[in-house]
């Protein structure tokens, strides 16, 4: 969505971010590059780490988005924002596991 409809994200960008449209496009490209990187053995670990760091870095914007939507009563409600915010640590874990940076054993 970052690349297809960047304008949809403009309202949640913090005012301190310079050239928010460019940043939105770059973050979309970063997500895609990270996804491709997970499929390539030479870049898998780096992609996993970078995607986890990306998830940490965008968390404040996700909080801002939730506060904006819930404070104005427009946009998406708690049914969207609450699971999204709670899933952020899981997304970080998944990125590290997919990058084989951490070991995952679901069954002994």
PDB file of N, CA and C in Angstrom:
ATOM      1  N   UNK A   1       0.818  -1.195   0.000  1.00  0.00           N
ATOM      2  CA  UNK A   1       0.000   0.000   0.000  1.00  0.00           C
ATOM      3  C   UNK A   1       0.861   1.258   0.000  1.00  0.00           C
ATOM      4  N   UNK A   2       2.031   1.183   0.624  1.00  0.00           N
ATOM      5  CA  UNK A   2       2.912   2.355   0.667  1.00  0.00           C
ATOM      6  C   UNK A   2       3.264   2.838  -0.733  1.00  0.00           C
ATOM      7  N   UNK A   3       3.436   1.922  -1.650  1.00  0.00           N
ATOM      8  CA  UNK A   3       3.827   2.295  -3.007  1.00  0.00           C
ATOM      9  C   UNK A   3       2.624   2.605  -3.895  1.00  0.00           C
ATOM     10  N   UNK A   4       1.510   1.945  -3.653  1.00  0.00           N
ATOM     11  CA  UNK A   4       0.337   2.103  -4.498  1.00  0.00           C
ATOM     12  C   UNK A   4      -0.495   3.325  -4.090  1.00  0.00           C
ATOM     13  N   UNK A   5      -0.666   3.518  -2.794  1.00  0.00           N
ATOM     14  CA  UNK A   5      -1.476   4.628  -2.283  1.00  0.00           C
ATOM     15  C   UNK A   5      -0.752   5.353  -1.161  1.00  0.00           C
ATOM     16  N   UNK A   6       0.369   5.999  -1.430  1.00  0.00           N
ATOM     17  CA  UNK A   6       1.121   6.673  -0.365  1.00  0.00           C
ATOM     18  C   UNK A   6       0.328   7.789   0.307  1.00  0.00           C
ATOM     19  N   UNK A   7      -0.590   8.407  -0.402  1.00  0.00           N
ATOM     20  CA  UNK A   7      -1.385   9.489   0.176  1.00  0.00           C
ATOM     21  C   UNK A   7      -2.213   9.050   1.366  1.00  0.00           C
ATOM     22  N   UNK A   8      -2.568   7.777   1.419  1.00  0.00           N
ATOM     23  CA  UNK A   8      -3.369   7.261   2.532  1.00  0.00           C
ATOM     24  C   UNK A   8      -2.608   7.322   3.859  1.00  0.00           C
ATOM     25  N   UNK A   9      -1.290   7.405   3.804  1.00  0.00           N
ATOM     26  CA  UNK A   9      -0.467   7.405   5.015  1.00  0.00           C
ATOM     27  C   UNK A   9      -0.053   8.810   5.456  1.00  0.00           C
ATOM     28  N   UNK A  10      -0.291   9.792   4.631  1.00  0.00           N
ATOM     29  CA  UNK A  10       0.177  11.150   4.934  1.00  0.00           C
ATOM     30  C   UNK A  10      -0.396  11.703   6.232  1.00  0.00           C
ATOM     31  N   UNK A  11      -1.648  11.405   6.535  1.00  0.00           N
ATOM     32  CA  UNK A  11      -2.279  11.975   7.730  1.00  0.00           C
ATOM     33  C   UNK A  11      -1.684  11.454   9.031  1.00  0.00           C
ATOM     34  N   UNK A  12      -1.000  10.318   8.998  1.00  0.00           N
ATOM     35  CA  UNK A  12      -0.444   9.759  10.235  1.00  0.00           C
ATOM     36  C   UNK A  12       1.061  10.007  10.374  1.00  0.00           C
ATOM     37  N   UNK A  13       1.633  10.688   9.428  1.00  0.00           N
ATOM     38  CA  UNK A  13       3.065  10.979   9.510  1.00  0.00           C
ATOM     39  C   UNK A  13       3.311  12.107  10.519  1.00  0.00           C
ATOM     40  N   UNK A  14       4.279  11.920  11.407  1.00  0.00           N
ATOM     41  CA  UNK A  14       4.606  12.978  12.363  1.00  0.00           C
ATOM     42  C   UNK A  14       5.069  14.240  11.631  1.00  0.00           C
ATOM     43  N   UNK A  15       4.719  15.413  12.168  1.00  0.00           N
ATOM     44  CA  UNK A  15       5.087  16.669  11.503  1.00  0.00           C
ATOM     45  C   UNK A  15       6.603  16.859  11.344  1.00  0.00           C
ATOM     46  N   UNK A  16       7.391  16.226  12.190  1.00  0.00           N
ATOM     47  CA  UNK A  16       8.843  16.414  12.141  1.00  0.00           C
ATOM     48  C   UNK A  16       9.501  15.644  10.992  1.00  0.00           C
ATOM     49  N   UNK A  17       8.769  14.772  10.340  1.00  0.00           N
ATOM     50  CA  UNK A  17       9.338  13.962   9.253  1.00  0.00           C
ATOM     51  C   UNK A  17       9.439  14.823   7.993  1.00  0.00           C
ATOM     52  N   UNK A  18      10.657  15.004   7.469  1.00  0.00           N
ATOM     53  CA  UNK A  18      10.800  15.781   6.234  1.00  0.00           C
ATOM     54  C   UNK A  18      10.340  14.963   5.026  1.00  0.00           C
ATOM     55  N   UNK A  19       9.702  15.602   4.088  1.00  0.00           N
ATOM     56  CA  UNK A  19       9.232  14.976   2.848  1.00  0.00           C
ATOM     57  C   UNK A  19       8.524  13.642   3.127  1.00  0.00           C
ATOM     58  N   UNK A  20       7.388  13.697   3.826  1.00  0.00           N
ATOM     59  CA  UNK A  20       6.711  12.467   4.251  1.00  0.00           C
ATOM     60  C   UNK A  20       6.326  11.539   3.102  1.00  0.00           C
ATOM     61  N   UNK A  21       5.956  12.083   1.961  1.00  0.00           N
ATOM     62  CA  UNK A  21       5.572  11.224   0.830  1.00  0.00           C
ATOM     63  C   UNK A  21       6.758  10.369   0.379  1.00  0.00           C
ATOM     64  N   UNK A  22       7.936  10.974   0.307  1.00  0.00           N
ATOM     65  CA  UNK A  22       9.140  10.232  -0.067  1.00  0.00           C
ATOM     66  C   UNK A  22       9.441   9.150   0.969  1.00  0.00           C
ATOM     67  N   UNK A  23       9.312   9.480   2.234  1.00  0.00           N
ATOM     68  CA  UNK A  23       9.572   8.508   3.302  1.00  0.00           C
ATOM     69  C   UNK A  23       8.601   7.335   3.195  1.00  0.00           C
ATOM     70  N   UNK A  24       7.342   7.622   2.900  1.00  0.00           N
ATOM     71  CA  UNK A  24       6.343   6.558   2.746  1.00  0.00           C
ATOM     72  C   UNK A  24       6.734   5.637   1.592  1.00  0.00           C
ATOM     73  N   UNK A  25       7.134   6.210   0.478  1.00  0.00           N
ATOM     74  CA  UNK A  25       7.562   5.404  -0.665  1.00  0.00           C
ATOM     75  C   UNK A  25       8.805   4.583  -0.334  1.00  0.00           C
ATOM     76  N   UNK A  26       9.753   5.177   0.370  1.00  0.00           N
ATOM     77  CA  UNK A  26      10.980   4.465   0.737  1.00  0.00           C
ATOM     78  C   UNK A  26      10.697   3.323   1.709  1.00  0.00           C
ATOM     79  N   UNK A  27       9.768   3.537   2.639  1.00  0.00           N
ATOM     80  CA  UNK A  27       9.457   2.455   3.577  1.00  0.00           C
ATOM     81  C   UNK A  27       8.748   1.307   2.860  1.00  0.00           C
ATOM     82  N   UNK A  28       7.927   1.632   1.879  1.00  0.00           N
ATOM     83  CA  UNK A  28       7.313   0.565   1.074  1.00  0.00           C
ATOM     84  C   UNK A  28       8.350  -0.237   0.316  1.00  0.00           C
ATOM     85  N   UNK A  29       9.323   0.477  -0.261  1.00  0.00           N
ATOM     86  CA  UNK A  29      10.415  -0.204  -0.976  1.00  0.00           C
ATOM     87  C   UNK A  29      11.247  -1.047  -0.006  1.00  0.00           C
ATOM     88  N   UNK A  30      11.456  -0.539   1.206  1.00  0.00           N
ATOM     89  CA  UNK A  30      12.226  -1.284   2.212  1.00  0.00           C
ATOM     90  C   UNK A  30      11.508  -2.574   2.605  1.00  0.00           C
ATOM     91  N   UNK A  31      10.198  -2.513   2.753  1.00  0.00           N
ATOM     92  CA  UNK A  31       9.436  -3.719   3.086  1.00  0.00           C
ATOM     93  C   UNK A  31       9.577  -4.774   1.986  1.00  0.00           C
ATOM     94  N   UNK A  32       9.454  -4.337   0.741  1.00  0.00           N
ATOM     95  CA  UNK A  32       9.583  -5.277  -0.373  1.00  0.00           C
ATOM     96  C   UNK A  32      11.000  -5.839  -0.476  1.00  0.00           C
ATOM     97  N   UNK A  33      12.002  -4.982  -0.307  1.00  0.00           N
ATOM     98  CA  UNK A  33      13.392  -5.443  -0.355  1.00  0.00           C
ATOM     99  C   UNK A  33      13.661  -6.453   0.761  1.00  0.00           C
ATOM    100  N   UNK A  34      13.119  -6.192   1.942  1.00  0.00           N
ATOM    101  CA  UNK A  34      13.282  -7.126   3.048  1.00  0.00           C
ATOM    102  C   UNK A  34      12.630  -8.469   2.758  1.00  0.00           C
ATOM    103  N   UNK A  35      11.441  -8.430   2.169  1.00  0.00           N
ATOM    104  CA  UNK A  35      10.753  -9.682   1.826  1.00  0.00           C
ATOM    105  C   UNK A  35      11.553 -10.485   0.809  1.00  0.00           C
ATOM    106  N   UNK A  36      12.076  -9.819  -0.199  1.00  0.00           N
ATOM    107  CA  UNK A  36      12.904 -10.506  -1.197  1.00  0.00           C
ATOM    108  C   UNK A  36      14.173 -11.034  -0.534  1.00  0.00           C
ATOM    109  N   UNK A  37      14.777 -10.228   0.331  1.00  0.00           N
ATOM    110  CA  UNK A  37      16.006 -10.622   1.018  1.00  0.00           C
ATOM    111  C   UNK A  37      15.853 -11.884   1.853  1.00  0.00           C
ATOM    112  N   UNK A  38      14.650 -12.115   2.376  1.00  0.00           N
ATOM    113  CA  UNK A  38      14.419 -13.326   3.168  1.00  0.00           C
ATOM    114  C   UNK A  38      14.497 -14.592   2.327  1.00  0.00           C
ATOM    115  N   UNK A  39      14.261 -14.480   1.030  1.00  0.00           N
ATOM    116  CA  UNK A  39      14.301 -15.646   0.151  1.00  0.00           C
ATOM    117  C   UNK A  39      15.702 -15.973  -0.341  1.00  0.00           C
ATOM    118  N   UNK A  40      16.631 -15.064  -0.188  1.00  0.00           N
ATOM    119  CA  UNK A  40      17.987 -15.267  -0.688  1.00  0.00           C
ATOM    120  C   UNK A  40      18.910 -15.653   0.462  1.00  0.00           C
ATOM    121  N   UNK A  41      19.528 -16.816   0.399  1.00  0.00           N
ATOM    122  CA  UNK A  41      20.366 -17.274   1.511  1.00  0.00           C
ATOM    123  C   UNK A  41      21.445 -16.272   1.936  1.00  0.00           C
ATOM    124  N   UNK A  42      22.059 -15.586   0.981  1.00  0.00           N
ATOM    125  CA  UNK A  42      23.152 -14.644   1.323  1.00  0.00           C
ATOM    126  C   UNK A  42      22.664 -13.430   2.100  1.00  0.00           C
ATOM    127  N   UNK A  43      21.405 -13.057   1.922  1.00  0.00           N
ATOM    128  CA  UNK A  43      20.889 -11.841   2.556  1.00  0.00           C
ATOM    129  C   UNK A  43      19.830 -12.124   3.616  1.00  0.00           C
ATOM    130  N   UNK A  44      19.505 -13.389   3.833  1.00  0.00           N
ATOM    131  CA  UNK A  44      18.403 -13.753   4.723  1.00  0.00           C
ATOM    132  C   UNK A  44      18.562 -13.177   6.128  1.00  0.00           C
ATOM    133  N   UNK A  45      19.699 -13.357   6.756  1.00  0.00           N
ATOM    134  CA  UNK A  45      19.884 -12.881   8.131  1.00  0.00           C
ATOM    135  C   UNK A  45      19.821 -11.357   8.204  1.00  0.00           C
ATOM    136  N   UNK A  46      20.499 -10.686   7.281  1.00  0.00           N
ATOM    137  CA  UNK A  46      20.470  -9.226   7.270  1.00  0.00           C
ATOM    138  C   UNK A  46      19.047  -8.719   7.047  1.00  0.00           C
ATOM    139  N   UNK A  47      18.324  -9.337   6.138  1.00  0.00           N
ATOM    140  CA  UNK A  47      16.941  -8.932   5.877  1.00  0.00           C
ATOM    141  C   UNK A  47      16.073  -9.122   7.117  1.00  0.00           C
ATOM    142  N   UNK A  48      16.262 -10.216   7.826  1.00  0.00           N
ATOM    143  CA  UNK A  48      15.500 -10.453   9.053  1.00  0.00           C
ATOM    144  C   UNK A  48      15.766  -9.396  10.104  1.00  0.00           C
ATOM    145  N   UNK A  49      17.024  -9.062  10.295  1.00  0.00           N
ATOM    146  CA  UNK A  49      17.386  -8.031  11.277  1.00  0.00           C
ATOM    147  C   UNK A  49      16.821  -6.673  10.855  1.00  0.00           C
ATOM    148  N   UNK A  50      16.969  -6.338   9.580  1.00  0.00           N
ATOM    149  CA  UNK A  50      16.501  -5.036   9.107  1.00  0.00           C
ATOM    150  C   UNK A  50      14.980  -4.928   9.174  1.00  0.00           C
ATOM    151  N   UNK A  51      14.266  -5.999   8.877  1.00  0.00           N
ATOM    152  CA  UNK A  51      12.808  -5.964   8.983  1.00  0.00           C
ATOM    153  C   UNK A  51      12.364  -5.837  10.439  1.00  0.00           C
ATOM    154  N   UNK A  52      13.073  -6.488  11.354  1.00  0.00           N
ATOM    155  CA  UNK A  52      12.748  -6.343  12.772  1.00  0.00           C
ATOM    156  C   UNK A  52      13.002  -4.899  13.230  1.00  0.00           C
ATOM    157  N   UNK A  53      14.125  -4.332  12.816  1.00  0.00           N
ATOM    158  CA  UNK A  53      14.414  -2.936  13.159  1.00  0.00           C
ATOM    159  C   UNK A  53      13.394  -1.993  12.539  1.00  0.00           C
ATOM    160  N   UNK A  54      12.982  -2.280  11.341  1.00  0.00           N
ATOM    161  CA  UNK A  54      11.952  -1.478  10.677  1.00  0.00           C
ATOM    162  C   UNK A  54      10.668  -1.493  11.506  1.00  0.00           C
ATOM    163  N   UNK A  55      10.270  -2.671  11.972  1.00  0.00           N
ATOM    164  CA  UNK A  55       9.053  -2.784  12.774  1.00  0.00           C
ATOM    165  C   UNK A  55       9.165  -1.973  14.067  1.00  0.00           C
ATOM    166  N   UNK A  56      10.340  -1.963  14.664  1.00  0.00           N
ATOM    167  CA  UNK A  56      10.561  -1.159  15.873  1.00  0.00           C
ATOM    168  C   UNK A  56      10.476   0.336  15.544  1.00  0.00           C
ATOM    169  N   UNK A  57      11.063   0.724  14.433  1.00  0.00           N
ATOM    170  CA  UNK A  57      11.103   2.148  14.057  1.00  0.00           C
ATOM    171  C   UNK A  57       9.738   2.708  13.684  1.00  0.00           C
ATOM    172  N   UNK A  58       8.870   1.899  13.089  1.00  0.00           N
ATOM    173  CA  UNK A  58       7.558   2.416  12.693  1.00  0.00           C
ATOM    174  C   UNK A  58       6.526   2.316  13.813  1.00  0.00           C
ATOM    175  N   UNK A  59       6.878   1.679  14.917  1.00  0.00           N
ATOM    176  CA  UNK A  59       5.931   1.523  16.024  1.00  0.00           C
ATOM    177  C   UNK A  59       5.410   2.869  16.530  1.00  0.00           C
ATOM    178  N   UNK A  60       6.265   3.884  16.718  1.00  0.00           N
ATOM    179  CA  UNK A  60       5.723   5.182  17.162  1.00  0.00           C
ATOM    180  C   UNK A  60       4.700   5.775  16.182  1.00  0.00           C
ATOM    181  N   UNK A  61       4.897   5.571  14.896  1.00  0.00           N
ATOM    182  CA  UNK A  61       3.927   6.071  13.912  1.00  0.00           C
ATOM    183  C   UNK A  61       2.629   5.277  14.021  1.00  0.00           C
ATOM    184  N   UNK A  62       2.718   3.983  14.299  1.00  0.00           N
ATOM    185  CA  UNK A  62       1.517   3.176  14.494  1.00  0.00           C
ATOM    186  C   UNK A  62       0.735   3.668  15.711  1.00  0.00           C
ATOM    187  N   UNK A  63       1.445   4.044  16.762  1.00  0.00           N
ATOM    188  CA  UNK A  63       0.789   4.598  17.949  1.00  0.00           C
ATOM    189  C   UNK A  63       0.125   5.926  17.595  1.00  0.00           C
ATOM    190  N   UNK A  64       0.835   6.777  16.888  1.00  0.00           N
ATOM    191  CA  UNK A  64       0.286   8.063  16.467  1.00  0.00           C
ATOM    192  C   UNK A  64      -0.968   7.863  15.614  1.00  0.00           C
ATOM    193  N   UNK A  65      -0.934   6.899  14.728  1.00  0.00           N
ATOM    194  CA  UNK A  65      -2.088   6.587  13.887  1.00  0.00           C
ATOM    195  C   UNK A  65      -3.276   6.182  14.747  1.00  0.00           C
ATOM    196  N   UNK A  66      -3.043   5.319  15.722  1.00  0.00           N
ATOM    197  CA  UNK A  66      -4.120   4.878  16.613  1.00  0.00           C
ATOM    198  C   UNK A  66      -4.682   6.053  17.404  1.00  0.00           C
ATOM    199  N   UNK A  67      -3.823   6.874  17.959  1.00  0.00           N
ATOM    200  CA  UNK A  67      -4.271   8.033  18.743  1.00  0.00           C
ATOM    201  C   UNK A  67      -5.084   8.978  17.864  1.00  0.00           C
ATOM    202  N   UNK A  68      -4.609   9.221  16.651  1.00  0.00           N
ATOM    203  CA  UNK A  68      -5.317  10.107  15.724  1.00  0.00           C
ATOM    204  C   UNK A  68      -6.704   9.555  15.398  1.00  0.00           C
ATOM    205  N   UNK A  69      -6.767   8.299  14.995  1.00  0.00           N
ATOM    206  CA  UNK A  69      -8.048   7.695  14.626  1.00  0.00           C
ATOM    207  C   UNK A  69      -9.012   7.649  15.807  1.00  0.00           C
ATOM    208  N   UNK A  70      -8.514   7.222  16.957  1.00  0.00           N
ATOM    209  CA  UNK A  70      -9.389   7.070  18.117  1.00  0.00           C
ATOM    210  C   UNK A  70      -9.771   8.412  18.712  1.00  0.00           C
ATOM    211  N   UNK A  71      -8.862   9.396  18.609  1.00  0.00           N
ATOM    212  CA  UNK A  71      -9.141  10.731  19.147  1.00  0.00           C
ATOM    213  C   UNK A  71     -10.132  11.516  18.320  1.00  0.00           C
ATOM    214  N   UNK A  72     -10.135  11.295  17.025  1.00  0.00           N
ATOM    215  CA  UNK A  72     -11.042  12.036  16.151  1.00  0.00           C
ATOM    216  C   UNK A  72     -12.332  11.286  15.896  1.00  0.00           C
ATOM    217  N   UNK A  73     -12.355   9.999  16.210  1.00  0.00           N
ATOM    218  CA  UNK A  73     -13.547   9.197  15.953  1.00  0.00           C
ATOM    219  C   UNK A  73     -13.718   8.835  14.486  1.00  0.00           C
ATOM    220  N   UNK A  74     -12.755   9.214  13.684  1.00  0.00           N
ATOM    221  CA  UNK A  74     -12.811   8.859  12.266  1.00  0.00           C
ATOM    222  C   UNK A  74     -11.784   7.773  11.998  1.00  0.00           C
ATOM    223  N   UNK A  75     -11.894   7.151  10.893  1.00  0.00           N
ATOM    224  CA  UNK A  75     -10.905   6.140  10.539  1.00  0.00           C
ATOM    225  C   UNK A  75     -11.191   4.805  11.181  1.00  0.00           C
ATOM    226  N   UNK A  76     -10.153   4.101  11.478  1.00  0.00           N
ATOM    227  CA  UNK A  76     -10.251   2.736  11.988  1.00  0.00           C
ATOM    228  C   UNK A  76     -10.379   2.753  13.506  1.00  0.00           C
ATOM    229  N   UNK A  77     -11.088   1.810  14.058  1.00  0.00           N
ATOM    230  CA  UNK A  77     -11.300   1.756  15.503  1.00  0.00           C
ATOM    231  C   UNK A  77     -10.344   0.817  16.201  1.00  0.00           C
ATOM    232  N   UNK A  78     -10.676   0.520  17.455  1.00  0.00           N
ATOM    233  CA  UNK A  78      -9.839  -0.360  18.273  1.00  0.00           C
ATOM    234  C   UNK A  78      -9.710  -1.751  17.674  1.00  0.00           C
ATOM    235  N   UNK A  79     -10.734  -2.205  16.971  1.00  0.00           N
ATOM    236  CA  UNK A  79     -10.686  -3.550  16.388  1.00  0.00           C
ATOM    237  C   UNK A  79      -9.525  -3.689  15.411  1.00  0.00           C
ATOM    238  N   UNK A  80      -9.091  -2.591  14.832  1.00  0.00           N
ATOM    239  CA  UNK A  80      -7.930  -2.594  13.940  1.00  0.00           C
ATOM    240  C   UNK A  80      -6.643  -2.279  14.713  1.00  0.00           C
ATOM    241  N   UNK A  81      -6.675  -1.211  15.487  1.00  0.00           N
ATOM    242  CA  UNK A  81      -5.437  -0.716  16.108  1.00  0.00           C
ATOM    243  C   UNK A  81      -4.926  -1.594  17.251  1.00  0.00           C
ATOM    244  N   UNK A  82      -5.792  -2.098  18.089  1.00  0.00           N
ATOM    245  CA  UNK A  82      -5.346  -2.884  19.242  1.00  0.00           C
ATOM    246  C   UNK A  82      -4.570  -4.129  18.806  1.00  0.00           C
ATOM    247  N   UNK A  83      -5.121  -4.961  17.908  1.00  0.00           N
ATOM    248  CA  UNK A  83      -4.338  -6.126  17.463  1.00  0.00           C
ATOM    249  C   UNK A  83      -3.053  -5.718  16.742  1.00  0.00           C
ATOM    250  N   UNK A  84      -3.121  -4.643  15.974  1.00  0.00           N
ATOM    251  CA  UNK A  84      -1.935  -4.191  15.231  1.00  0.00           C
ATOM    252  C   UNK A  84      -0.815  -3.797  16.197  1.00  0.00           C
ATOM    253  N   UNK A  85      -1.151  -3.062  17.227  1.00  0.00           N
ATOM    254  CA  UNK A  85      -0.127  -2.643  18.191  1.00  0.00           C
ATOM    255  C   UNK A  85       0.398  -3.838  18.983  1.00  0.00           C
ATOM    256  N   UNK A  86      -0.481  -4.735  19.361  1.00  0.00           N
ATOM    257  CA  UNK A  86      -0.041  -5.922  20.107  1.00  0.00           C
ATOM    258  C   UNK A  86       0.787  -6.872  19.245  1.00  0.00           C
ATOM    259  N   UNK A  87       0.564  -6.853  17.952  1.00  0.00           N
ATOM    260  CA  UNK A  87       1.286  -7.758  17.055  1.00  0.00           C
ATOM    261  C   UNK A  87       2.709  -7.294  16.756  1.00  0.00           C
ATOM    262  N   UNK A  88       3.044  -6.065  17.078  1.00  0.00           N
ATOM    263  CA  UNK A  88       4.367  -5.542  16.715  1.00  0.00           C
ATOM    264  C   UNK A  88       5.522  -6.398  17.259  1.00  0.00           C
ATOM    265  N   UNK A  89       5.494  -6.824  18.524  1.00  0.00           N
ATOM    266  CA  UNK A  89       6.579  -7.712  18.988  1.00  0.00           C
ATOM    267  C   UNK A  89       6.600  -9.042  18.229  1.00  0.00           C
ATOM    268  N   UNK A  90       5.416  -9.558  17.882  1.00  0.00           N
ATOM    269  CA  UNK A  90       5.347 -10.800  17.106  1.00  0.00           C
ATOM    270  C   UNK A  90       5.955 -10.599  15.723  1.00  0.00           C
ATOM    271  N   UNK A  91       5.729  -9.442  15.123  1.00  0.00           N
ATOM    272  CA  UNK A  91       6.302  -9.138  13.812  1.00  0.00           C
ATOM    273  C   UNK A  91       7.830  -9.098  13.907  1.00  0.00           C
ATOM    274  N   UNK A  92       8.349  -8.511  14.965  1.00  0.00           N
ATOM    275  CA  UNK A  92       9.809  -8.481  15.164  1.00  0.00           C
ATOM    276  C   UNK A  92      10.353  -9.899  15.312  1.00  0.00           C
ATOM    277  N   UNK A  93       9.682 -10.702  16.130  1.00  0.00           N
ATOM    278  CA  UNK A  93      10.108 -12.093  16.327  1.00  0.00           C
ATOM    279  C   UNK A  93      10.058 -12.854  15.003  1.00  0.00           C
ATOM    280  N   UNK A  94       8.953 -12.677  14.248  1.00  0.00           N
ATOM    281  CA  UNK A  94       8.803 -13.375  12.981  1.00  0.00           C
ATOM    282  C   UNK A  94       9.919 -13.013  12.010  1.00  0.00           C
ATOM    283  N   UNK A  95      10.254 -11.720  11.935  1.00  0.00           N
ATOM    284  CA  UNK A  95      11.311 -11.282  11.014  1.00  0.00           C
ATOM    285  C   UNK A  95      12.642 -11.942  11.386  1.00  0.00           C
ATOM    286  N   UNK A  96      12.947 -11.987  12.670  1.00  0.00           N
ATOM    287  CA  UNK A  96      14.203 -12.611  13.111  1.00  0.00           C
ATOM    288  C   UNK A  96      14.189 -14.120  12.881  1.00  0.00           C
ATOM    289  N   UNK A  97      13.027 -14.737  13.086  1.00  0.00           N
ATOM    290  CA  UNK A  97      12.918 -16.181  12.842  1.00  0.00           C
ATOM    291  C   UNK A  97      12.997 -16.483  11.343  1.00  0.00           C
ATOM    292  N   UNK A  98      12.323 -15.687  10.532  1.00  0.00           N
ATOM    293  CA  UNK A  98      12.362 -15.894   9.085  1.00  0.00           C
ATOM    294  C   UNK A  98      13.766 -15.675   8.537  1.00  0.00           C
ATOM    295  N   UNK A  99      14.505 -14.774   9.149  1.00  0.00           N
ATOM    296  CA  UNK A  99      15.881 -14.525   8.739  1.00  0.00           C
ATOM    297  C   UNK A  99      16.859 -15.531   9.324  1.00  0.00           C
ATOM    298  N   UNK A 100      16.327 -16.451  10.117  1.00  0.00           N
ATOM    299  CA  UNK A 100      17.128 -17.479  10.802  1.00  0.00           C
ATOM    300  C   UNK A 100      18.199 -16.872  11.700  1.00  0.00           C
ATOM    301  N   UNK A 101      17.850 -15.709  12.251  1.00  0.00           N
ATOM    302  CA  UNK A 101      18.731 -15.046  13.213  1.00  0.00           C
ATOM    303  C   UNK A 101      18.528 -15.669  14.582  1.00  0.00           C
ATOM    304  N   UNK A 102      17.293 -16.078  14.844  1.00  0.00           N
ATOM    305  CA  UNK A 102      16.973 -16.786  16.080  1.00  0.00           C
ATOM    306  C   UNK A 102      16.442 -18.163  15.704  1.00  0.00           C
ATOM    307  N   UNK A 103      16.606 -19.094  16.605  1.00  0.00           N
ATOM    308  CA  UNK A 103      16.134 -20.454  16.374  1.00  0.00           C
ATOM    309  C   UNK A 103      14.702 -20.580  16.882  1.00  0.00           C
ATOM    310  N   UNK A 104      13.903 -21.279  16.137  1.00  0.00           N
ATOM    311  CA  UNK A 104      12.510 -21.485  16.521  1.00  0.00           C
ATOM    312  C   UNK A 104      12.246 -22.972  16.615  1.00  0.00           C
ATOM    313  N   UNK A 105      11.839 -23.393  17.800  1.00  0.00           N
ATOM    314  CA  UNK A 105      11.450 -24.795  17.981  1.00  0.00           C
ATOM    315  C   UNK A 105      10.040 -24.800  18.527  1.00  0.00           C
ATOM    316  N   UNK A 106       9.096 -25.213  17.707  1.00  0.00           N
ATOM    317  CA  UNK A 106       7.713 -25.245  18.135  1.00  0.00           C
ATOM    318  C   UNK A 106       7.362 -26.574  18.779  1.00  0.00           C
ATOM    319  N   UNK A 107       8.096 -27.629  18.420  1.00  0.00           N
ATOM    320  CA  UNK A 107       7.840 -28.968  18.958  1.00  0.00           C
ATOM    321  C   UNK A 107       9.176 -29.579  19.329  1.00  0.00           C
ATOM    322  N   UNK A 108       9.179 -30.293  20.425  1.00  0.00           N
ATOM    323  CA  UNK A 108      10.412 -30.968  20.843  1.00  0.00           C
ATOM    324  C   UNK A 108      10.554 -32.297  20.194  1.00  0.00           C
TER     325      UNK A 108
END
